[in-house]
Amino acid sequence: MTARPTYLANIQILRFIAAVMVLYAHLLHETANHGLPLRPIHDPTGIAWRSGVDVFFIVSGFIMYYLSHDKFGAWRNAVDFLRRRLLRVVPMYWLFTGLMLLALAVVHDRIVHTDLTPQTLLGSLLFFPVLRADGDIFPILAVGWTLEFELFFYVCFALALLAPRRIGLAALTVVFLVMSVAGRFIDKSHVALKYYCDPIILEFLMGMLLAHLYLAGVTLNRWVQWGCVAVGFGLMVVMGGYQNLDRWIWGGLPSFVVAFGLALGPEIKSRWPAMGGDASYSLYLSHPFVLSSLALVWTKARLPADGWSYVASGLVLCIGASLLVYRLIEAPMLRVLRRRFEPERAKVIAAQGGP
């Protein structure tokens, strides 16, 4: 039996799309709300670019099920799964959390969400939601709120791996559905419980469903593939006006349509967007630092007040910086950690051309 590839180009492209959507949303937010000397701009597309986060969660559900669908029913596989995910996510997140702590010490007055207590620090490092003094539940590195959901999903998925596949999948699905309903009735004083019961967790199930269809051999032709992508982004425009609904509805459903088209359609041969997908985690973690530096330089140097020039500069600089971070930090770090903790898997990934 031929082993399935661990690297899927279209999924990497989806990751890149998700990261750029988040970056673009943050750039639009900065031009509107951060007091920069810029003329107001209006995004003409009407797309809810914040939905990039929802694409990320769907992709995460896809990847976890795709890589582990045949590993249910063994505790060793559950342990291996958690170890792999922790190696992949934690070191880079801790590195950038450390950089944020350094920034708080050096330029405290320039950073929003600067609440730093032992509780918030510990919660940030352990991916556990903690209520801050300002009423928010962001970790020290604000973009890490999505990783708190990611780690929660990893733990739940690892527990599901302990059981036979049908039982494990059924249990995980039922638990997430029950939690998403129960969260409506949980008091806000139960911070972590209410946080994890956010219906956004249903997007991981969407990704798992998509992986099941992929593994079952469901395919789309090129026309249907790009039709789904177009319809998905069209739905983001329409559903962006209904953000009073649960996020899995206004953000998750359109994102699922986009992911459905790209994941099940023919492979896109271009290497460049897939390279962006490789660096998507670095882009997600590093872009707040690049944007803060850009804002400072833009203000000090009195650069043009055209908001679109700022947005274009931010896109180019953040993507370029992420490729450097990936090549110089993330990929070498992963190779070292895998050789140390997963020597056999490191050989397989190296043979397939991975980091």
Foldseek 3Di string as FASTA:
>chain_A
DDDDDLDALLLLLLLLLLLLLCLLVVLLCCLVPVPFLADHDDDPLLFPSPLSLLLVLLSLLQSLCLVCVPQAADLVVLVVLLVVVCLQPQPVQVVLLVVLVVCCVVPVVLDPPSFDDPVLQVCSNVLFFDQGPVRDRAHSQRLSVSVSLVNVVSNLLSVLSNHPNVVSVVVSVVVLVVLLVCLVVDDCVVPRSNSNSQNSNVSSVLSNVLNVCVVVPQADEPVQLVVLLVVLRVLSSVLVVVVVDRCCVNSVVSSSSNCSSSVRYDGDPDVVSSLSSLLSVLLSSCLVVVLSVLSVCCRVVVPDNHSVVSSVVSSVRSSVVSSVCCVPPSQVSSLVVCCVPPVVVSVVCVVVVHD
